[in-house]
Protein backbone atom coordinates (compact mmCIF):
# COMPACT_ATOMS: atom_id res chain seq x y z
CA UNK A 1 -64.48 -61.44 41.41
CA UNK A 2 -62.02 -63.59 39.64
CA UNK A 3 -58.47 -62.55 38.67
CA UNK A 4 -59.51 -62.47 35.04
CA UNK A 5 -61.91 -59.61 35.71
CA UNK A 6 -59.11 -57.14 36.58
CA UNK A 7 -58.03 -54.81 33.74
CA UNK A 8 -54.79 -55.92 32.18
CA UNK A 9 -51.81 -53.64 32.60
CA UNK A 10 -49.67 -52.85 29.54
CA UNK A 11 -46.30 -54.52 29.66
CA UNK A 12 -43.38 -52.25 28.75
CA UNK A 13 -40.20 -53.97 27.66
CA UNK A 14 -36.96 -51.94 27.85
CA UNK A 15 -34.01 -53.22 25.90
CA UNK A 16 -30.62 -51.68 26.56
CA UNK A 17 -28.28 -51.40 23.60
CA UNK A 18 -24.53 -51.13 23.86
CA UNK A 19 -22.65 -47.93 22.92
CA UNK A 20 -22.07 -47.23 19.27
CA UNK A 21 -18.66 -47.89 17.92
CA UNK A 22 -16.57 -44.87 16.98
CA UNK A 23 -17.12 -45.62 13.30
CA UNK A 24 -20.81 -44.89 13.72
CA UNK A 25 -20.25 -41.44 15.31
CA UNK A 26 -19.80 -38.05 13.61
CA UNK A 27 -16.05 -37.75 13.76
CA UNK A 28 -15.70 -38.96 10.18
CA UNK A 29 -17.67 -35.93 8.96
CA UNK A 30 -15.10 -33.54 10.41
CA UNK A 31 -12.25 -35.50 8.86
CA UNK A 32 -14.02 -35.58 5.51
CA UNK A 33 -14.64 -31.82 5.61
CA UNK A 34 -10.95 -31.22 6.31
CA UNK A 35 -10.04 -33.47 3.39
CA UNK A 36 -12.37 -31.63 0.99
CA UNK A 37 -11.00 -28.27 2.13
CA UNK A 38 -7.43 -29.43 1.61
CA UNK A 39 -8.25 -30.73 -1.88
CA UNK A 40 -9.93 -27.42 -2.77
CA UNK A 41 -6.86 -25.51 -1.63
CA UNK A 42 -4.63 -27.86 -3.60
CA UNK A 43 -6.55 -27.37 -6.84
CA UNK A 44 -6.62 -23.60 -6.30
CA UNK A 45 -2.83 -23.59 -5.95
CA UNK A 46 -2.46 -25.71 -9.07
CA UNK A 47 -4.75 -23.35 -10.96
CA UNK A 48 -2.77 -20.32 -9.83
CA UNK A 49 0.50 -21.92 -10.90
CA UNK A 50 -0.87 -22.65 -14.36
CA UNK A 51 -2.65 -19.34 -14.99
CA UNK A 52 -0.24 -16.71 -13.59
CA UNK A 53 3.00 -15.27 -14.84
CA UNK A 54 6.31 -15.43 -13.00
CA UNK A 55 6.03 -11.82 -11.81
CA UNK A 56 2.53 -12.49 -10.49
CA UNK A 57 3.75 -15.55 -8.60
CA UNK A 58 6.52 -13.44 -7.06
CA UNK A 59 3.89 -10.94 -5.93
CA UNK A 60 1.81 -13.73 -4.39
CA UNK A 61 4.86 -15.01 -2.54
CA UNK A 62 5.65 -11.51 -1.24
CA UNK A 63 2.05 -11.09 -0.12
CA UNK A 64 2.14 -14.18 2.08
CA UNK A 65 5.64 -13.37 3.32
CA UNK A 66 4.49 -10.04 4.68
CA UNK A 67 1.86 -11.71 6.83
CA UNK A 68 1.40 -8.74 9.13
CA UNK A 69 -0.36 -6.79 6.41
CA UNK A 70 -3.15 -9.39 6.43
CA UNK A 71 -4.28 -8.05 9.79
CA UNK A 72 -4.93 -4.58 8.41
CA UNK A 73 -8.60 -3.56 8.18
CA UNK A 74 -10.38 -4.06 4.89
CA UNK A 75 -11.32 -1.03 2.86
CA UNK A 76 -14.47 0.14 1.21
CA UNK A 77 -15.36 1.93 -1.98
CA UNK A 78 -12.72 4.63 -1.58
CA UNK A 79 -10.05 1.99 -2.14
CA UNK A 80 -11.17 1.14 -5.65
CA UNK A 81 -8.74 3.71 -7.00
CA UNK A 82 -8.49 7.44 -7.43
CA UNK A 83 -7.36 9.89 -4.81
CA UNK A 84 -8.07 10.31 -1.13
CA UNK A 85 -7.28 13.75 0.22
CA UNK A 86 -7.11 13.95 4.01
CA UNK A 87 -7.74 17.67 4.27
CA UNK A 88 -10.13 19.02 6.85
CA UNK A 89 -12.20 22.14 6.35
CA UNK A 90 -11.12 22.95 2.79
CA UNK A 91 -13.78 23.83 0.26
CA UNK A 92 -11.27 23.76 -2.61
CA UNK A 93 -9.57 20.44 -1.85
CA UNK A 94 -10.84 18.96 -5.12
CA UNK A 95 -8.62 21.43 -6.95
CA UNK A 96 -5.49 19.64 -5.72
CA UNK A 97 -4.13 17.91 -8.79
CA UNK A 98 -0.78 16.35 -7.90
CA UNK A 99 1.77 15.48 -10.52
CA UNK A 100 4.59 12.96 -10.45
CA UNK A 101 6.65 12.84 -7.29
CA UNK A 102 10.06 11.97 -8.55
CA UNK A 103 10.36 10.95 -12.15
CA UNK A 104 7.84 8.12 -11.84
CA UNK A 105 5.64 9.58 -14.56
CA UNK A 106 8.58 9.36 -16.93
CA UNK A 107 8.94 5.66 -16.11
CA UNK A 108 5.25 5.08 -16.75
CA UNK A 109 5.27 6.87 -20.09
CA UNK A 110 8.28 4.85 -21.14
CA UNK A 111 6.47 1.63 -20.30
CA UNK A 112 3.39 2.67 -22.26
CA UNK A 113 5.48 3.64 -25.27
CA UNK A 114 7.13 0.25 -25.23
CA UNK A 115 3.69 -1.41 -25.24
CA UNK A 116 4.95 -4.77 -24.04
CA UNK A 117 1.75 -6.77 -24.14
CA UNK A 118 -0.43 -4.08 -22.55
CA UNK A 119 -3.57 -2.79 -24.19
CA UNK A 120 -3.02 0.91 -24.86
CA UNK A 121 -6.68 1.73 -24.36
CA UNK A 122 -6.79 0.33 -20.83
CA UNK A 123 -6.60 2.75 -17.92
CA UNK A 124 -3.20 2.57 -16.15
CA UNK A 125 -4.70 1.77 -12.75
CA UNK A 126 -6.85 -1.01 -14.23
CA UNK A 127 -3.89 -2.48 -16.10
CA UNK A 128 -1.84 -2.48 -12.89
CA UNK A 129 -4.62 -4.24 -11.00
CA UNK A 130 -4.93 -6.85 -13.74
CA UNK A 131 -1.19 -7.58 -13.64
CA UNK A 132 -1.15 -8.34 -9.94
CA UNK A 133 -4.52 -8.22 -8.15
CA UNK A 134 -3.11 -9.62 -4.92
CA UNK A 135 -0.52 -6.86 -4.66
CA UNK A 136 -3.27 -4.33 -5.37
CA UNK A 137 -5.19 -5.72 -2.40
CA UNK A 138 -2.08 -5.28 -0.27
CA UNK A 139 -1.80 -1.65 -1.37
CA UNK A 140 -5.48 -1.07 -0.63
CA UNK A 141 -4.94 -2.44 2.88
CA UNK A 142 -1.85 -0.25 3.28
CA UNK A 143 -3.78 2.83 2.20
CA UNK A 144 -6.66 2.00 4.53
CA UNK A 145 -4.29 1.61 7.49
CA UNK A 146 -2.59 4.95 6.78
CA UNK A 147 -5.98 6.64 6.56
CA UNK A 148 -7.03 5.03 9.83
CA UNK A 149 -3.85 6.15 11.57
CA UNK A 150 -4.18 9.73 10.36
CA UNK A 151 -7.83 9.96 11.35
CA UNK A 152 -7.20 8.64 14.86
CA UNK A 153 -7.77 11.00 17.76
CA UNK A 154 -4.07 11.46 18.51
CA UNK A 155 -3.09 12.26 14.91
CA UNK A 156 -6.22 13.91 13.54
CA UNK A 157 -4.61 17.35 13.60
CA UNK A 158 -1.97 16.14 11.12
CA UNK A 159 -4.52 14.94 8.54
CA UNK A 160 -4.62 18.38 6.93
CA UNK A 161 -0.99 17.92 5.87
CA UNK A 162 -1.44 14.51 4.22
CA UNK A 163 -2.60 13.43 0.79
CA UNK A 164 -2.86 9.80 -0.31
CA UNK A 165 -3.19 8.66 -3.90
CA UNK A 166 -3.21 5.30 -5.67
CA UNK A 167 -1.12 5.53 -8.85
CA UNK A 168 -0.06 2.97 -11.49
CA UNK A 169 3.36 2.91 -9.76
CA UNK A 170 1.92 2.19 -6.32
CA UNK A 171 0.76 4.21 -3.33
CA UNK A 172 1.91 7.83 -3.15
CA UNK A 173 1.78 9.79 0.09
CA UNK A 174 2.50 13.51 0.07
CA UNK A 175 3.22 15.50 3.23
CA UNK A 176 2.98 19.21 2.53
CA UNK A 177 3.20 22.53 4.31
CA UNK A 178 0.23 24.69 5.13
CA UNK A 179 0.02 28.21 6.47
CA UNK A 180 1.14 27.98 10.06
CA UNK A 181 1.97 24.28 9.81
CA UNK A 182 5.41 23.92 8.20
CA UNK A 183 7.17 20.58 7.81
CA UNK A 184 10.65 22.17 7.84
CA UNK A 185 12.04 25.40 9.18
CA UNK A 186 12.48 28.05 6.44
CA UNK A 187 15.65 27.23 4.54
CA UNK A 188 16.34 24.22 6.78
CA UNK A 189 16.41 20.48 6.16
CA UNK A 190 15.67 19.12 9.65
CA UNK A 191 12.04 17.99 10.16
CA UNK A 192 9.84 19.87 12.58
CA UNK A 193 8.24 17.87 15.43
CA UNK A 194 5.06 17.74 13.36
CA UNK A 195 6.80 16.10 10.39
CA UNK A 196 8.81 13.80 12.66
CA UNK A 197 5.58 12.51 14.19
CA UNK A 198 3.99 11.97 10.77
CA UNK A 199 7.05 10.12 9.46
CA UNK A 200 7.12 7.97 12.58
CA UNK A 201 3.57 6.81 11.93
CA UNK A 202 4.16 6.36 8.21
CA UNK A 203 7.34 4.37 8.81
CA UNK A 204 5.64 2.09 11.34
CA UNK A 205 3.08 1.17 8.68
CA UNK A 206 5.59 0.82 5.82
CA UNK A 207 7.62 -1.80 7.70
CA UNK A 208 4.71 -4.23 7.21
CA UNK A 209 5.27 -4.46 3.43
CA UNK A 210 8.41 -5.44 1.48
CA UNK A 211 8.05 -2.97 -1.40
CA UNK A 212 10.70 -0.46 -2.41
CA UNK A 213 10.21 3.21 -1.63
CA UNK A 214 10.94 6.46 -3.47
CA UNK A 215 11.39 9.64 -1.41
CA UNK A 216 11.30 13.00 -3.21
CA UNK A 217 11.68 16.53 -1.86
CA UNK A 218 9.89 19.52 -3.42
CA UNK A 219 10.08 23.26 -2.81
CA UNK A 220 7.77 26.08 -3.81
CA UNK A 221 8.47 28.54 -6.60
CA UNK A 222 10.05 31.21 -4.41
CA UNK A 223 13.66 31.93 -5.23
CA UNK A 224 16.05 30.68 -2.57
CA UNK A 225 19.82 31.04 -2.62
CA UNK A 226 22.50 30.82 0.02
CA UNK A 227 25.69 31.11 -1.93
CA UNK A 228 25.80 28.05 -4.17
CA UNK A 229 23.06 26.40 -2.10
CA UNK A 230 19.62 26.72 -3.66
CA UNK A 231 16.28 24.95 -4.05
CA UNK A 232 17.82 21.89 -5.69
CA UNK A 233 20.19 21.27 -2.80
CA UNK A 234 17.50 22.11 -0.24
CA UNK A 235 14.93 19.70 -1.72
CA UNK A 236 17.53 16.91 -1.93
CA UNK A 237 18.60 17.46 1.68
CA UNK A 238 14.99 17.40 2.85
CA UNK A 239 14.36 14.14 0.98
CA UNK A 240 17.41 12.57 2.62
CA UNK A 241 16.30 13.83 6.00
CA UNK A 242 12.90 12.17 5.52
CA UNK A 243 14.66 8.99 4.41
CA UNK A 244 16.74 8.91 7.60
CA UNK A 245 13.58 9.39 9.69
CA UNK A 246 11.93 6.40 7.98
CA UNK A 247 14.99 4.25 8.51
CA UNK A 248 15.11 5.18 12.21
CA UNK A 249 11.63 3.69 12.72
CA UNK A 250 12.52 0.42 11.00
CA UNK A 251 12.22 0.81 7.21
CA UNK A 252 15.34 -1.00 5.86
CA UNK A 253 17.82 1.11 3.91
CA UNK A 254 17.87 -1.49 1.11
CA UNK A 255 14.25 -0.64 0.33
CA UNK A 256 15.09 2.95 -0.58
CA UNK A 257 14.87 2.66 -4.35
CA UNK A 258 15.48 6.33 -5.09
CA UNK A 259 15.92 9.59 -3.15
CA UNK A 260 15.45 12.76 -5.20
CA UNK A 261 15.47 16.52 -4.94
CA UNK A 262 12.98 18.02 -7.40
CA UNK A 263 13.22 21.72 -6.41
CA UNK A 264 10.16 23.54 -7.83
CA UNK A 265 9.86 21.79 -11.18
CA UNK A 266 6.80 19.69 -10.22
CA UNK A 267 4.48 21.86 -8.12
CA UNK A 268 1.45 20.36 -6.44
CA UNK A 269 -0.49 23.48 -7.46
CA UNK A 270 0.85 24.67 -10.82
CA UNK A 271 -1.50 27.63 -10.86
CA UNK A 272 -0.09 28.86 -7.53
CA UNK A 273 3.66 28.11 -7.58
CA UNK A 274 4.31 29.97 -4.31
CA UNK A 275 1.57 28.19 -2.37
CA UNK A 276 3.05 26.57 0.78
CA UNK A 277 1.52 23.22 -0.19
CA UNK A 278 4.07 22.97 -2.98
CA UNK A 279 6.71 22.52 -0.26
CA UNK A 280 6.35 18.83 0.40
CA UNK A 281 7.86 15.39 0.82
CA UNK A 282 6.46 12.70 -1.50
CA UNK A 283 6.82 9.04 -0.48
CA UNK A 284 5.86 6.42 -3.08
CA UNK A 285 5.59 2.73 -2.21
CA UNK A 286 6.38 1.08 -5.54
CA UNK A 287 4.70 -1.90 -7.12
CA UNK A 288 7.04 -4.86 -7.61
CA UNK A 289 6.50 -4.94 -11.39
CA UNK A 290 7.45 -1.25 -11.67
CA UNK A 291 10.71 -1.95 -9.85
CA UNK A 292 11.40 -4.99 -12.03
CA UNK A 293 10.81 -2.99 -15.22
CA UNK A 294 13.05 -0.13 -14.03
CA UNK A 295 15.88 -2.51 -13.15
CA UNK A 296 15.53 -4.34 -16.48
CA UNK A 297 15.70 -1.01 -18.31
CA UNK A 298 18.81 -0.05 -16.33
CA UNK A 299 20.48 -3.34 -17.28
CA UNK A 300 19.63 -2.79 -20.93
CA UNK A 301 21.01 0.74 -20.85
CA UNK A 302 24.16 -0.48 -19.12
CA UNK A 303 24.65 -3.16 -21.76
CA UNK A 304 24.19 -0.66 -24.57
CA UNK A 305 26.68 1.71 -22.94
CA UNK A 306 29.30 -1.05 -22.73
CA UNK A 307 28.83 -1.84 -26.40
């Protein structure tokens, strides 16, 4: 048999190519993605600068300054507004209709009467959110964190003494007495261990935001008199005691915008003036625009008085 009769084997040729240059790799895609992201952020910043007011820009700056609040858990539907009552085992909790906690309603009515660019038909909470949506998000996060703290296993027993409410002025937290669970000793201004623990938790959360705070003391409708010392003095002393407790856990004294004693003029339950829940401490974390408006009004009043 000749050599030509054997079946021919296929010949496989392997050619080795050199490594690709770096310019042919995928690194450029990462760099290009970073560039596009940076340009998007730049145009968003430019858009914000051109479409927001000065007060809104100040709120944005405060939001990013208080970076610790960004770590707070996001909320759900309960944070869209309205009231959250942390009361366990109460069938009549919906009947709690709180009123202003320290003259803030008077400030709000004054602002609405002035009508400076606000639509009178808009709901107050919606108007506040439209003025500064970023600050509203911060308040929602603050409210969610306070709710989480009060519902934790170690503090769950205190939830029945707490009521949280989003208002046009900001976030209002009310700490009230209940039968067998007083916040102060009868006729005294020093917090009980229960109130001290609540204020410790509240203060540790409030230090994460830069907003000013109003602290107001309230008594029930029962007559109280110790010489010239009555409900007005008692409610003011209790408010100052709560203020000192907040400052001890880190809330700066400069953030105390107002400390008030309201006696029994603004009951939590008007239909039951002697109900123990009317004895309470109200802490309001104010919106920055509310503070700015109040200070501007004070300057105007001061100027008119000098004239």
